[in-house]
Amino acid sequence: MIVPEEQALIKNFVIKGKQDRYLTFLANDKTRKKFTHELYHFNDFNWKLFREIPGSEIGRETIIRDIKSRKHISTCHVISAKSEYDGKAMSVSEAIENVIGIEGTILIFGNAEVVFYEGEAPNRRYISV
């Protein structure tokens, strides 16, 4: 079953033509891996809603700055190609400390108020604007 954070991510940040497909993938344990495997080179975001985090910026600091500007955010939901993190709910500090730097990962803060994506290196870090 798809959790509300994942549904909000897909509905708010993925291009319209792929939303139903990805919602279906995420809702089923058997097809979820099809979605998570694509995260290394995910191209179906509406990229106008993101900004790239340049190599000169540290991802953790960028996220902390964005989260602090929205003080009510206290949780993070993880979608990841790494099964030990996929589908986990974490505190913001736990996610920032443990998951940033893992390629093929999306961090959904709050109810998709802030989204961080880390694709395969080099320079594939994005944060929602």
C-alpha atoms as a PDB file:
ATOM      1  CA  MET A   1       0.000   0.000   0.000  1.00  0.00           C
ATOM      2  CA  ILE A   2       1.314   3.422  -0.907  1.00  0.00           C
ATOM      3  CA  VAL A   3       1.884   5.836   1.974  1.00  0.00           C
ATOM      4  CA  PRO A   4       0.588   9.432   1.808  1.00  0.00           C
ATOM      5  CA  GLU A   5       4.101  10.913   1.493  1.00  0.00           C
ATOM      6  CA  GLU A   6       4.838   8.800  -1.584  1.00  0.00           C
ATOM      7  CA  GLN A   7       1.510   9.677  -3.137  1.00  0.00           C
ATOM      8  CA  ALA A   8       2.152  13.401  -2.521  1.00  0.00           C
ATOM      9  CA  LEU A   9       5.624  13.075  -4.063  1.00  0.00           C
ATOM     10  CA  ILE A  10       4.292  11.480  -7.242  1.00  0.00           C
ATOM     11  CA  LYS A  11       1.300  13.824  -7.588  1.00  0.00           C
ATOM     12  CA  ASN A  12       3.294  17.005  -6.896  1.00  0.00           C
ATOM     13  CA  PHE A  13       6.714  16.373  -8.432  1.00  0.00           C
ATOM     14  CA  VAL A  14       6.487  13.730 -11.193  1.00  0.00           C
ATOM     15  CA  ILE A  15       5.415  14.558 -14.748  1.00  0.00           C
ATOM     16  CA  LYS A  16       1.725  13.892 -15.369  1.00  0.00           C
ATOM     17  CA  GLY A  17       2.226  11.171 -17.977  1.00  0.00           C
ATOM     18  CA  LYS A  18       4.108   8.920 -15.521  1.00  0.00           C
ATOM     19  CA  GLN A  19       2.149   9.478 -12.312  1.00  0.00           C
ATOM     20  CA  ASP A  20      -0.324   6.593 -12.601  1.00  0.00           C
ATOM     21  CA  ARG A  21       2.425   4.166 -13.589  1.00  0.00           C
ATOM     22  CA  TYR A  22       4.602   5.084 -10.625  1.00  0.00           C
ATOM     23  CA  LEU A  23       1.716   5.102  -8.159  1.00  0.00           C
ATOM     24  CA  THR A  24       0.914   1.562  -9.298  1.00  0.00           C
ATOM     25  CA  PHE A  25       4.551   0.485  -8.921  1.00  0.00           C
ATOM     26  CA  LEU A  26       4.840   1.921  -5.411  1.00  0.00           C
ATOM     27  CA  ALA A  27       1.554   0.403  -4.241  1.00  0.00           C
ATOM     28  CA  ASN A  28       2.690  -3.172  -4.854  1.00  0.00           C
ATOM     29  CA  ASP A  29       5.662  -4.856  -3.189  1.00  0.00           C
ATOM     30  CA  LYS A  30       6.320  -6.922  -6.318  1.00  0.00           C
ATOM     31  CA  THR A  31       6.590  -3.893  -8.619  1.00  0.00           C
ATOM     32  CA  ARG A  32       8.078  -1.384  -6.165  1.00  0.00           C
ATOM     33  CA  LYS A  33      11.604  -2.449  -7.153  1.00  0.00           C
ATOM     34  CA  LYS A  34      10.886  -1.360 -10.744  1.00  0.00           C
ATOM     35  CA  PHE A  35      10.470   2.167  -9.421  1.00  0.00           C
ATOM     36  CA  THR A  36      13.335   2.131  -6.933  1.00  0.00           C
ATOM     37  CA  HIS A  37      15.759   0.715  -9.498  1.00  0.00           C
ATOM     38  CA  GLU A  38      15.037   3.714 -11.744  1.00  0.00           C
ATOM     39  CA  LEU A  39      16.147   6.118  -9.008  1.00  0.00           C
ATOM     40  CA  TYR A  40      19.791   5.949 -10.014  1.00  0.00           C
ATOM     41  CA  HIS A  41      18.928   7.795 -13.244  1.00  0.00           C
ATOM     42  CA  PHE A  42      15.423   9.128 -12.589  1.00  0.00           C
ATOM     43  CA  ASN A  43      14.309  11.566 -15.287  1.00  0.00           C
ATOM     44  CA  ASP A  44      10.573  11.889 -14.707  1.00  0.00           C
ATOM     45  CA  PHE A  45      10.479  14.684 -12.171  1.00  0.00           C
ATOM     46  CA  ASN A  46       9.088  18.050 -13.189  1.00  0.00           C
ATOM     47  CA  TRP A  47      12.571  19.550 -13.010  1.00  0.00           C
ATOM     48  CA  LYS A  48      11.188  23.105 -12.853  1.00  0.00           C
ATOM     49  CA  LEU A  49      10.295  22.300  -9.250  1.00  0.00           C
ATOM     50  CA  PHE A  50      13.888  21.462  -8.279  1.00  0.00           C
ATOM     51  CA  ARG A  51      17.249  23.086  -8.161  1.00  0.00           C
ATOM     52  CA  GLU A  52      20.506  21.252  -8.515  1.00  0.00           C
ATOM     53  CA  ILE A  53      22.758  21.264  -5.492  1.00  0.00           C
ATOM     54  CA  PRO A  54      26.160  22.158  -6.963  1.00  0.00           C
ATOM     55  CA  GLY A  55      29.260  20.288  -5.898  1.00  0.00           C
ATOM     56  CA  SER A  56      30.380  23.336  -3.938  1.00  0.00           C
ATOM     57  CA  GLU A  57      27.357  22.977  -1.613  1.00  0.00           C
ATOM     58  CA  ILE A  58      27.139  20.210   0.921  1.00  0.00           C
ATOM     59  CA  GLY A  59      23.816  18.382   0.653  1.00  0.00           C
ATOM     60  CA  ARG A  60      23.343  18.065   4.402  1.00  0.00           C
ATOM     61  CA  GLU A  61      23.764  21.799   4.965  1.00  0.00           C
ATOM     62  CA  THR A  62      21.382  22.643   2.120  1.00  0.00           C
ATOM     63  CA  ILE A  63      18.668  20.379   3.509  1.00  0.00           C
ATOM     64  CA  ILE A  64      19.132  21.590   7.070  1.00  0.00           C
ATOM     65  CA  ARG A  65      18.779  25.201   5.892  1.00  0.00           C
ATOM     66  CA  ASP A  66      15.585  24.403   3.958  1.00  0.00           C
ATOM     67  CA  ILE A  67      14.080  22.360   6.788  1.00  0.00           C
ATOM     68  CA  LYS A  68      14.836  25.035   9.395  1.00  0.00           C
ATOM     69  CA  SER A  69      12.883  27.541   7.323  1.00  0.00           C
ATOM     70  CA  ARG A  70       9.860  25.230   7.760  1.00  0.00           C
ATOM     71  CA  LYS A  71      10.116  24.491  11.462  1.00  0.00           C
ATOM     72  CA  HIS A  72       7.024  22.285  11.607  1.00  0.00           C
ATOM     73  CA  ILE A  73       8.695  19.507   9.576  1.00  0.00           C
ATOM     74  CA  SER A  74       9.891  16.740  11.880  1.00  0.00           C
ATOM     75  CA  THR A  75       9.664  13.575   9.792  1.00  0.00           C
ATOM     76  CA  CYS A  76      11.214  12.126   6.679  1.00  0.00           C
ATOM     77  CA  HIS A  77      10.076   9.250   4.488  1.00  0.00           C
ATOM     78  CA  VAL A  78      12.680   7.433   2.390  1.00  0.00           C
ATOM     79  CA  ILE A  79      12.334   5.834  -1.031  1.00  0.00           C
ATOM     80  CA  SER A  80      15.571   4.159  -1.993  1.00  0.00           C
ATOM     81  CA  ALA A  81      17.154   1.598  -4.255  1.00  0.00           C
ATOM     82  CA  LYS A  82      18.911   0.426  -1.075  1.00  0.00           C
ATOM     83  CA  SER A  83      16.382  -1.921   0.497  1.00  0.00           C
ATOM     84  CA  GLU A  84      17.589  -1.302   4.061  1.00  0.00           C
ATOM     85  CA  TYR A  85      16.317   2.299   3.775  1.00  0.00           C
ATOM     86  CA  ASP A  86      13.398   1.963   1.372  1.00  0.00           C
ATOM     87  CA  GLY A  87       9.991   2.721   2.864  1.00  0.00           C
ATOM     88  CA  LYS A  88      11.410   3.794   6.214  1.00  0.00           C
ATOM     89  CA  ALA A  89      10.130   6.721   8.256  1.00  0.00           C
ATOM     90  CA  MET A  90      12.831   8.641  10.109  1.00  0.00           C
ATOM     91  CA  SER A  91      13.329  11.809  12.033  1.00  0.00           C
ATOM     92  CA  VAL A  92      14.799  14.636   9.995  1.00  0.00           C
ATOM     93  CA  SER A  93      18.124  14.434  11.825  1.00  0.00           C
ATOM     94  CA  GLU A  94      18.318  10.646  11.387  1.00  0.00           C
ATOM     95  CA  ALA A  95      17.688  10.947   7.636  1.00  0.00           C
ATOM     96  CA  ILE A  96      20.215  13.737   7.188  1.00  0.00           C
ATOM     97  CA  GLU A  97      22.827  11.875   9.192  1.00  0.00           C
ATOM     98  CA  ASN A  98      22.369   8.402   7.693  1.00  0.00           C
ATOM     99  CA  VAL A  99      20.837   8.584   4.227  1.00  0.00           C
ATOM    100  CA  ILE A 100      22.333  11.587   2.446  1.00  0.00           C
ATOM    101  CA  GLY A 101      25.058  10.335   0.149  1.00  0.00           C
ATOM    102  CA  ILE A 102      23.230   7.146  -0.806  1.00  0.00           C
ATOM    103  CA  GLU A 103      22.657   7.135  -4.557  1.00  0.00           C
ATOM    104  CA  GLY A 104      19.235   6.187  -5.864  1.00  0.00           C
ATOM    105  CA  THR A 105      17.386   7.810  -2.978  1.00  0.00           C
ATOM    106  CA  ILE A 106      14.543  10.270  -2.450  1.00  0.00           C
ATOM    107  CA  LEU A 107      13.966  11.898   0.935  1.00  0.00           C
ATOM    108  CA  ILE A 108      10.448  13.244   1.449  1.00  0.00           C
ATOM    109  CA  PHE A 109      10.288  15.720   4.317  1.00  0.00           C
ATOM    110  CA  GLY A 110       6.883  16.381   5.867  1.00  0.00           C
ATOM    111  CA  ASN A 111       4.135  15.636   3.371  1.00  0.00           C
ATOM    112  CA  ALA A 112       6.388  16.318   0.340  1.00  0.00           C
ATOM    113  CA  GLU A 113       7.009  19.897   1.443  1.00  0.00           C
ATOM    114  CA  VAL A 114      10.726  19.454   0.835  1.00  0.00           C
ATOM    115  CA  VAL A 115      12.045  16.713  -1.445  1.00  0.00           C
ATOM    116  CA  PHE A 116      15.704  15.748  -1.837  1.00  0.00           C
ATOM    117  CA  TYR A 117      16.824  13.474  -4.670  1.00  0.00           C
ATOM    118  CA  GLU A 118      20.225  11.855  -5.011  1.00  0.00           C
ATOM    119  CA  GLY A 119      20.902  10.045  -8.250  1.00  0.00           C
ATOM    120  CA  GLU A 120      24.069   8.375  -9.400  1.00  0.00           C
ATOM    121  CA  ALA A 121      27.185  10.560  -9.143  1.00  0.00           C
ATOM    122  CA  PRO A 122      28.599  12.868 -10.197  1.00  0.00           C
ATOM    123  CA  ASN A 123      26.489  15.935  -9.502  1.00  0.00           C
ATOM    124  CA  ARG A 124      23.031  14.391  -9.297  1.00  0.00           C
ATOM    125  CA  ARG A 125      21.707  16.053  -6.143  1.00  0.00           C
ATOM    126  CA  TYR A 126      18.513  18.089  -6.282  1.00  0.00           C
ATOM    127  CA  ILE A 127      16.213  19.743  -3.785  1.00  0.00           C
ATOM    128  CA  SER A 128      12.713  21.042  -4.305  1.00  0.00           C
ATOM    129  CA  VAL A 129      12.309  24.799  -4.502  1.00  0.00           C
END
